[in-house]
């Protein structure tokens, strides 16, 4: 792990039991900024993300998932059968090494393994433990299992996503899993600062339901204060018109246009060449445009359809209209702004070859984060971590391996 410049979290040692997305994305931030993150897995029960596509060349395998590779760059990977009777002593040696233990199992799992916070502080009194679960610890539903699609529904996001005349739909992917890590990283940094000031560890309990509700704060307040229940509105916005995605030339090419003010609308009128239909006095105000929104969108769509999407984007932006092309994945890899910020790091993986992983969305000027190693093969760093970093003897390592602890 050769590093060329100091990083914000140099020296931080993380024992990482996280799996799937929310946890690994959280610890990826730490690893990118210098922390040594040791990812604990088991070949007897592999991370479901290792079995999730896309796979290199369409060939599945526990070391071939691009999804897993993206979330686990810079980490060291070891395998320990957590349920083996001899795993406990080994794990506690790792706890003594660590500054931070992270996990996102169903509440109670770590306690049943003898790895709850009360167990850890007996071994390492200054340990910080970060736990994140769907609904948080304690309460009537704490043990409810599930993945991102379930969490999006429980947080109310599914109810408001979709078209008013159709059934609700989930936001794309494990949406709430992509929200929680941003709160998790902030909480961990606060805990590290707390320990620096007091010398004391702490147990952080992050409920993904509660982080997700932060995105719906205006809607929750509107219901509480005014009794208005939000409904599905497709791409429309009560404070803007037009506000939607419109077709352009070519196959499946689209542009988003959002007029939040009357000045935006007047700029769009001029950009369209002031057609007669757009000059109707009824469209001069937001209320008037909302009243004629179906007709307004149909007319705009007829105007946008012949345009090439990037050309139209430049034309509208130059005219003072908030607009942007709806980019697909191939567009994003060619995007000049993302390229300028070096958003994608390219790493060489032993099985899938060169792949791209996204960097964090912020750049620290004095201690920039960076990626220097690909996601680990299953059990790739057993010897490095267990023999060189925590000091198992050759005999101890051989015995644990032969007895099936390291799998």
Protein backbone atom coordinates (compact mmCIF):
# COMPACT_ATOMS: atom_id res chain seq x y z
CA UNK A 1 0.00 0.00 0.00
CA UNK A 2 2.50 2.61 -1.17
CA UNK A 3 1.16 6.14 -0.72
CA UNK A 4 2.53 9.27 -2.32
CA UNK A 5 0.94 11.97 -0.14
CA UNK A 6 -0.58 12.31 3.34
CA UNK A 7 -4.26 11.55 3.69
CA UNK A 8 -6.82 12.71 6.20
CA UNK A 9 -7.32 9.31 7.84
CA UNK A 10 -3.79 7.95 7.75
CA UNK A 11 -3.27 5.62 10.71
CA UNK A 12 -6.95 4.83 11.28
CA UNK A 13 -7.45 1.05 11.63
CA UNK A 14 -10.87 -0.32 10.73
CA UNK A 15 -12.17 -3.84 11.31
CA UNK A 16 -15.01 -4.02 8.82
CA UNK A 17 -17.81 -6.60 9.07
CA UNK A 18 -20.07 -4.70 6.65
CA UNK A 19 -21.68 -6.29 3.62
CA UNK A 20 -23.98 -5.50 0.66
CA UNK A 21 -24.00 -1.70 -0.03
CA UNK A 22 -24.73 0.71 2.85
CA UNK A 23 -21.89 -0.50 5.06
CA UNK A 24 -19.22 -1.09 2.40
CA UNK A 25 -19.94 2.29 0.82
CA UNK A 26 -19.38 3.92 4.22
CA UNK A 27 -16.04 2.21 4.77
CA UNK A 28 -14.98 2.89 1.18
CA UNK A 29 -14.91 6.60 2.06
CA UNK A 30 -12.60 5.80 4.96
CA UNK A 31 -10.32 3.62 2.84
CA UNK A 32 -10.12 6.25 0.10
CA UNK A 33 -8.88 8.79 2.61
CA UNK A 34 -6.11 6.70 4.12
CA UNK A 35 -7.68 4.33 6.66
CA UNK A 36 -6.50 0.72 6.72
CA UNK A 37 -9.75 -1.19 6.29
CA UNK A 38 -9.73 -4.94 6.91
CA UNK A 39 -12.85 -6.46 5.43
CA UNK A 40 -13.98 -9.64 7.23
CA UNK A 41 -15.92 -12.13 5.08
CA UNK A 42 -16.62 -15.84 4.99
CA UNK A 43 -16.56 -18.21 2.07
CA UNK A 44 -19.30 -20.17 3.84
CA UNK A 45 -21.67 -17.24 3.46
CA UNK A 46 -20.41 -14.83 0.84
CA UNK A 47 -21.53 -11.25 0.58
CA UNK A 48 -24.62 -11.14 -1.65
CA UNK A 49 -22.96 -8.30 -3.56
CA UNK A 50 -20.24 -10.71 -4.73
CA UNK A 51 -23.04 -12.57 -6.50
CA UNK A 52 -24.59 -9.45 -8.02
CA UNK A 53 -23.91 -8.28 -11.53
CA UNK A 54 -22.66 -6.87 -13.70
CA UNK A 55 -19.99 -9.55 -14.10
CA UNK A 56 -16.90 -9.29 -16.23
CA UNK A 57 -17.68 -10.84 -19.65
CA UNK A 58 -21.03 -12.00 -18.24
CA UNK A 59 -19.31 -14.78 -16.31
CA UNK A 60 -20.43 -14.94 -12.69
CA UNK A 61 -18.09 -15.66 -9.78
CA UNK A 62 -17.39 -14.41 -6.27
CA UNK A 63 -14.44 -12.36 -7.55
CA UNK A 64 -16.03 -11.09 -10.77
CA UNK A 65 -18.74 -8.66 -9.66
CA UNK A 66 -18.26 -5.09 -10.84
CA UNK A 67 -20.73 -3.93 -8.19
CA UNK A 68 -18.65 -5.47 -5.40
CA UNK A 69 -15.42 -4.21 -6.96
CA UNK A 70 -16.69 -0.64 -6.98
CA UNK A 71 -17.66 -0.60 -3.30
CA UNK A 72 -14.54 -2.26 -1.92
CA UNK A 73 -11.51 -0.57 -3.47
CA UNK A 74 -8.50 0.01 -1.17
CA UNK A 75 -9.63 -2.64 1.33
CA UNK A 76 -7.84 -5.71 2.63
CA UNK A 77 -9.92 -8.89 2.53
CA UNK A 78 -9.78 -11.77 5.00
CA UNK A 79 -12.03 -14.80 5.55
CA UNK A 80 -13.10 -16.00 8.99
CA UNK A 81 -15.97 -18.36 9.74
CA UNK A 82 -17.63 -16.21 12.41
CA UNK A 83 -19.58 -19.18 13.76
CA UNK A 84 -16.57 -21.40 14.28
CA UNK A 85 -15.92 -22.09 17.95
CA UNK A 86 -12.33 -20.87 17.63
CA UNK A 87 -13.15 -17.67 15.73
CA UNK A 88 -13.81 -15.64 18.87
CA UNK A 89 -10.25 -15.47 20.15
CA UNK A 90 -8.92 -14.51 16.71
CA UNK A 91 -11.54 -11.82 16.29
CA UNK A 92 -10.73 -10.28 19.65
CA UNK A 93 -7.07 -10.04 18.64
CA UNK A 94 -8.25 -8.08 15.61
CA UNK A 95 -10.39 -5.89 17.89
CA UNK A 96 -7.30 -5.05 19.95
CA UNK A 97 -5.61 -3.93 16.73
CA UNK A 98 -8.54 -1.79 15.56
CA UNK A 99 -9.64 1.77 16.28
CA UNK A 100 -13.05 1.30 14.72
CA UNK A 101 -15.34 -1.72 14.19
CA UNK A 102 -18.10 -1.40 11.58
CA UNK A 103 -21.06 -3.67 10.90
CA UNK A 104 -24.47 -3.59 9.24
CA UNK A 105 -26.03 -6.90 10.28
CA UNK A 106 -29.52 -7.28 11.71
CA UNK A 107 -29.41 -5.96 15.31
CA UNK A 108 -28.44 -8.69 17.74
CA UNK A 109 -26.20 -10.58 15.32
CA UNK A 110 -22.92 -9.20 16.66
CA UNK A 111 -24.06 -9.81 20.23
CA UNK A 112 -24.82 -13.45 19.45
CA UNK A 113 -21.31 -13.78 18.05
CA UNK A 114 -19.81 -12.33 21.22
CA UNK A 115 -18.88 -9.15 19.33
CA UNK A 116 -21.39 -6.64 20.69
CA UNK A 117 -20.14 -3.27 21.89
CA UNK A 118 -20.15 -4.38 25.54
CA UNK A 119 -17.93 -7.31 24.52
CA UNK A 120 -15.55 -5.17 22.47
CA UNK A 121 -14.85 -2.56 25.16
CA UNK A 122 -13.65 -5.29 27.51
CA UNK A 123 -10.90 -6.00 25.00
CA UNK A 124 -10.35 -2.45 23.71
CA UNK A 125 -11.78 0.24 26.02
CA UNK A 126 -11.29 3.02 23.44
CA UNK A 127 -12.96 1.17 20.57
CA UNK A 128 -15.52 2.97 18.42
CA UNK A 129 -18.25 0.77 16.99
CA UNK A 130 -20.43 1.81 14.06
CA UNK A 131 -23.64 -0.16 13.56
CA UNK A 132 -26.15 0.57 10.83
CA UNK A 133 -29.35 -1.34 10.20
CA UNK A 134 -32.67 -0.76 8.50
CA UNK A 135 -34.61 0.45 11.51
CA UNK A 136 -32.02 0.93 14.24
CA UNK A 137 -31.50 -0.97 17.46
CA UNK A 138 -34.35 -1.55 19.90
CA UNK A 139 -38.05 -1.06 19.32
CA UNK A 140 -40.74 -3.42 18.00
CA UNK A 141 -39.35 -3.82 14.46
CA UNK A 142 -35.58 -3.65 15.00
CA UNK A 143 -35.01 -7.20 13.78
CA UNK A 144 -36.95 -6.82 10.52
CA UNK A 145 -34.71 -7.97 7.65
CA UNK A 146 -34.69 -6.51 4.18
CA UNK A 147 -32.81 -4.72 1.45
CA UNK A 148 -32.97 -1.31 -0.20
CA UNK A 149 -36.27 -1.83 -2.01
CA UNK A 150 -37.95 -2.62 1.31
CA UNK A 151 -36.35 0.37 3.01
CA UNK A 152 -37.46 2.75 0.26
CA UNK A 153 -41.03 1.60 0.84
CA UNK A 154 -40.85 1.84 4.64
CA UNK A 155 -39.50 5.39 4.40
CA UNK A 156 -42.36 6.53 2.18
CA UNK A 157 -40.24 7.12 -0.92
CA UNK A 158 -41.98 4.44 -2.96
CA UNK A 159 -45.40 5.96 -2.29
CA UNK A 160 -44.46 9.26 -3.91
CA UNK A 161 -42.48 7.82 -6.83
CA UNK A 162 -44.24 7.24 -10.14
CA UNK A 163 -47.18 8.61 -12.13
CA UNK A 164 -50.48 9.71 -10.56
CA UNK A 165 -52.56 7.22 -12.56
CA UNK A 166 -50.30 4.22 -11.95
CA UNK A 167 -49.09 2.05 -9.10
CA UNK A 168 -46.12 3.34 -7.07
CA UNK A 169 -42.61 2.23 -8.06
CA UNK A 170 -39.38 1.91 -6.13
CA UNK A 171 -36.68 4.49 -6.72
CA UNK A 172 -33.82 3.03 -8.76
CA UNK A 173 -31.68 0.42 -7.06
CA UNK A 174 -31.11 0.18 -3.33
CA UNK A 175 -31.79 3.90 -3.09
CA UNK A 176 -31.66 4.29 0.68
CA UNK A 177 -28.36 2.36 0.79
CA UNK A 178 -26.82 5.24 -1.14
CA UNK A 179 -28.16 7.82 1.32
CA UNK A 180 -27.14 6.29 4.66
CA UNK A 181 -23.33 6.27 4.08
CA UNK A 182 -23.20 10.06 3.85
CA UNK A 183 -24.65 10.29 7.36
CA UNK A 184 -22.53 7.36 8.53
CA UNK A 185 -19.23 8.93 7.55
CA UNK A 186 -20.12 12.18 9.32
CA UNK A 187 -21.07 10.27 12.47
CA UNK A 188 -17.82 8.28 12.42
CA UNK A 189 -15.71 11.40 12.01
CA UNK A 190 -17.56 13.00 14.93
CA UNK A 191 -16.89 9.90 17.04
CA UNK A 192 -13.19 10.01 16.17
CA UNK A 193 -13.06 13.65 17.23
CA UNK A 194 -14.90 12.77 20.45
CA UNK A 195 -12.34 10.08 21.26
CA UNK A 196 -9.48 12.43 20.44
CA UNK A 197 -10.84 14.94 22.94
CA UNK A 198 -11.96 12.57 25.70
CA UNK A 199 -10.05 9.31 25.21
CA UNK A 200 -13.35 7.45 25.22
CA UNK A 201 -14.93 5.18 22.62
CA UNK A 202 -18.59 5.17 21.66
CA UNK A 203 -21.22 3.03 19.94
CA UNK A 204 -22.93 4.66 16.96
CA UNK A 205 -26.37 3.31 16.01
CA UNK A 206 -27.50 4.59 12.60
CA UNK A 207 -31.04 3.77 11.46
CA UNK A 208 -31.32 3.87 7.69
CA UNK A 209 -35.04 4.64 8.00
CA UNK A 210 -34.25 7.86 9.83
CA UNK A 211 -31.54 8.94 7.41
CA UNK A 212 -33.97 8.39 4.53
CA UNK A 213 -36.65 10.54 6.15
CA UNK A 214 -34.29 13.51 5.89
CA UNK A 215 -34.95 13.54 2.14
CA UNK A 216 -38.69 13.90 2.70
CA UNK A 217 -38.58 16.64 5.34
CA UNK A 218 -40.65 19.23 3.36
CA UNK A 219 -43.33 16.64 2.59
CA UNK A 220 -43.47 15.47 6.20
CA UNK A 221 -43.79 19.05 7.40
CA UNK A 222 -46.53 19.79 4.87
CA UNK A 223 -48.56 16.87 6.18
CA UNK A 224 -47.95 17.77 9.82
CA UNK A 225 -48.67 21.48 9.45
CA UNK A 226 -51.24 21.58 6.64
CA UNK A 227 -52.71 18.08 6.43
CA UNK A 228 -51.66 17.73 2.78
CA UNK A 229 -50.70 14.20 1.81
CA UNK A 230 -48.18 14.16 -1.07
CA UNK A 231 -49.15 12.19 -4.14
CA UNK A 232 -47.28 10.78 -7.12
CA UNK A 233 -46.71 13.48 -9.74
CA UNK A 234 -44.33 11.89 -12.23
CA UNK A 235 -41.73 14.48 -13.25
CA UNK A 236 -43.82 17.47 -12.27
CA UNK A 237 -43.07 19.93 -9.50
CA UNK A 238 -45.71 22.09 -7.79
CA UNK A 239 -43.37 25.10 -7.88
CA UNK A 240 -42.24 24.85 -11.51
CA UNK A 241 -43.65 24.60 -15.03
CA UNK A 242 -42.48 23.28 -17.35
CA UNK A 243 -40.65 20.70 -15.26
CA UNK A 244 -39.97 17.45 -17.04
CA UNK A 245 -37.95 15.39 -19.49
CA UNK A 246 -38.53 15.87 -23.20
CA UNK A 247 -37.51 13.80 -26.25
CA UNK A 248 -34.67 14.70 -28.58
CA UNK A 249 -33.47 13.22 -31.87
CA UNK A 250 -31.95 9.75 -31.86
CA UNK A 251 -32.84 6.63 -29.93
CA UNK A 252 -33.85 7.21 -26.32
CA UNK A 253 -32.30 10.68 -26.05
CA UNK A 254 -33.88 13.17 -23.66
CA UNK A 255 -33.42 16.60 -22.13
CA UNK A 256 -34.57 17.84 -18.73
CA UNK A 257 -36.03 21.35 -18.58
CA UNK A 258 -37.03 23.08 -15.35
CA UNK A 259 -38.51 26.60 -15.28
CA UNK A 260 -38.77 27.65 -11.65
CA UNK A 261 -39.44 31.33 -12.34
CA UNK A 262 -41.33 33.43 -14.85
CA UNK A 263 -37.96 34.71 -16.10
CA UNK A 264 -36.95 31.13 -16.88
CA UNK A 265 -40.15 30.72 -18.87
CA UNK A 266 -39.58 33.94 -20.82
CA UNK A 267 -36.05 32.76 -21.62
CA UNK A 268 -37.46 29.47 -22.88
CA UNK A 269 -40.00 31.33 -25.02
CA UNK A 270 -37.20 33.26 -26.69
CA UNK A 271 -35.03 30.16 -27.09
CA UNK A 272 -37.91 28.47 -28.92
CA UNK A 273 -38.26 31.48 -31.25
CA UNK A 274 -41.34 32.87 -29.50
CA UNK A 275 -43.89 30.56 -31.18
CA UNK A 276 -47.47 31.75 -31.17
CA UNK A 277 -48.67 29.06 -28.76
CA UNK A 278 -46.04 30.09 -26.18
CA UNK A 279 -47.10 33.74 -26.32
CA UNK A 280 -50.55 33.10 -24.87
CA UNK A 281 -51.11 35.37 -21.89
CA UNK A 282 -52.35 32.45 -19.81
CA UNK A 283 -48.79 31.08 -19.74
CA UNK A 284 -47.21 34.22 -18.30
CA UNK A 285 -47.62 33.03 -14.71
CA UNK A 286 -46.85 29.78 -12.90
CA UNK A 287 -50.53 29.32 -12.07
CA UNK A 288 -51.44 29.69 -15.74
CA UNK A 289 -48.76 27.25 -16.88
CA UNK A 290 -49.80 24.70 -14.27
CA UNK A 291 -53.41 24.99 -15.46
CA UNK A 292 -52.37 24.16 -19.04
CA UNK A 293 -49.49 21.79 -18.20
CA UNK A 294 -50.49 18.87 -20.44
CA UNK A 295 -50.76 21.09 -23.51
CA UNK A 296 -47.61 23.00 -22.53
CA UNK A 297 -45.53 19.80 -22.27
CA UNK A 298 -46.87 18.44 -25.56
CA UNK A 299 -45.89 21.62 -27.41
CA UNK A 300 -42.42 21.69 -25.86
CA UNK A 301 -41.90 18.03 -26.77
CA UNK A 302 -42.74 18.75 -30.42
CA UNK A 303 -40.14 21.54 -30.39
CA UNK A 304 -37.35 19.51 -28.70
CA UNK A 305 -37.78 16.34 -30.78
CA UNK A 306 -35.70 17.39 -33.84
CA UNK A 307 -32.79 18.69 -31.74
CA UNK A 308 -29.59 16.83 -30.95
CA UNK A 309 -29.54 16.67 -27.16
CA UNK A 310 -26.15 18.24 -26.44
CA UNK A 311 -26.70 21.00 -28.98
CA UNK A 312 -30.07 21.77 -27.41
CA UNK A 313 -28.59 21.71 -23.92
CA UNK A 314 -25.99 24.30 -24.89
CA UNK A 315 -28.61 26.41 -26.66
CA UNK A 316 -30.95 26.48 -23.66
CA UNK A 317 -28.25 27.05 -21.09
CA UNK A 318 -26.85 29.93 -23.12
CA UNK A 319 -30.37 31.37 -23.16
CA UNK A 320 -30.68 31.25 -19.38
CA UNK A 321 -32.91 28.17 -19.20
CA UNK A 322 -32.11 25.47 -16.60
CA UNK A 323 -31.64 22.39 -18.78
CA UNK A 324 -29.48 19.29 -19.01
CA UNK A 325 -29.11 16.18 -21.12
CA UNK A 326 -30.34 12.92 -19.59
CA UNK A 327 -27.03 11.08 -19.78
CA UNK A 328 -26.64 7.32 -19.95
CA UNK A 329 -23.72 5.36 -18.51
CA UNK A 330 -21.55 5.65 -21.61
CA UNK A 331 -22.11 9.42 -21.60
CA UNK A 332 -20.95 9.65 -17.99
CA UNK A 333 -17.62 8.00 -18.77
CA UNK A 334 -17.06 10.57 -21.50
CA UNK A 335 -18.34 13.57 -19.56
CA UNK A 336 -15.70 16.35 -19.69
CA UNK A 337 -16.57 17.71 -16.24
CA UNK A 338 -16.20 14.32 -14.55
CA UNK A 339 -13.00 13.75 -16.50
CA UNK A 340 -11.62 17.11 -15.36
CA UNK A 341 -12.27 16.18 -11.73
CA UNK A 342 -10.81 12.67 -12.23
CA UNK A 343 -14.01 11.23 -10.78
CA UNK A 344 -13.24 7.70 -11.95
CA UNK A 345 -10.22 5.78 -10.77
CA UNK A 346 -9.03 2.86 -12.89
CA UNK A 347 -7.66 -0.16 -11.03
CA UNK A 348 -6.19 -3.47 -12.17
CA UNK A 349 -8.07 -6.44 -10.70
CA UNK A 350 -6.66 -9.97 -10.72
CA UNK A 351 -9.77 -11.53 -12.26
CA UNK A 352 -11.76 -8.80 -13.98
CA UNK A 353 -8.87 -6.73 -15.27
CA UNK A 354 -9.01 -2.93 -15.43
CA UNK A 355 -12.21 -1.48 -13.99
CA UNK A 356 -13.50 1.93 -12.96
CA UNK A 357 -14.49 2.93 -9.46
CA UNK A 358 -15.98 6.28 -8.52
CA UNK A 359 -14.16 8.62 -6.16
CA UNK A 360 -15.89 10.48 -3.37
CA UNK A 361 -17.80 13.56 -4.44
CA UNK A 362 -15.55 15.98 -2.53
CA UNK A 363 -11.88 16.84 -2.99
CA UNK A 364 -9.76 17.75 0.04
CA UNK A 365 -7.17 20.24 -1.16
CA UNK A 366 -4.42 19.35 1.33
CA UNK A 367 -5.10 15.64 1.77
CA UNK A 368 -6.79 14.34 -1.38
CA UNK A 369 -8.21 10.85 -1.29
CA UNK A 370 -7.12 8.28 -3.83
CA UNK A 371 -7.54 4.68 -4.87
CA UNK A 372 -4.43 2.54 -5.02
CA UNK A 373 -5.66 -1.07 -4.89
CA UNK A 374 -8.62 -2.99 -6.33
CA UNK A 375 -11.26 -4.79 -4.31
CA UNK A 376 -9.82 -7.93 -2.70
CA UNK A 377 -10.32 -11.46 -3.89
CA UNK A 378 -12.11 -13.56 -1.29
CA UNK A 379 -9.54 -14.21 1.46
CA UNK A 380 -6.80 -12.50 -0.53
CA UNK A 381 -5.04 -10.93 2.47
CA UNK A 382 -5.36 -13.60 5.14
CA UNK A 383 -1.63 -14.01 5.62
CA UNK A 384 -0.82 -10.31 5.37
CA UNK A 385 -3.35 -9.31 8.00
CA UNK A 386 -3.22 -12.26 10.37
CA UNK A 387 0.50 -13.00 10.33
CA UNK A 388 2.14 -9.66 9.57
CA UNK A 389 -0.32 -7.15 11.02
CA UNK A 390 -1.60 -8.87 14.19
CA UNK A 391 1.30 -11.27 14.67
CA UNK A 392 -0.03 -14.82 14.46
CA UNK A 393 2.79 -17.32 14.56
CA UNK A 394 3.30 -19.74 11.69
CA UNK A 395 1.93 -22.53 13.87
CA UNK A 396 -1.15 -20.55 14.95
CA UNK A 397 -1.93 -19.60 11.37
CA UNK A 398 -1.47 -23.16 10.09
CA UNK A 399 -3.69 -24.60 12.83
CA UNK A 400 -6.51 -22.07 12.31
CA UNK A 401 -6.38 -22.72 8.58
CA UNK A 402 -6.45 -26.52 8.96
CA UNK A 403 -9.34 -26.36 11.42
CA UNK A 404 -11.50 -24.36 9.03
CA UNK A 405 -11.51 -21.07 10.92
CA UNK A 406 -10.10 -19.12 7.95
CA UNK A 407 -12.86 -19.73 5.47
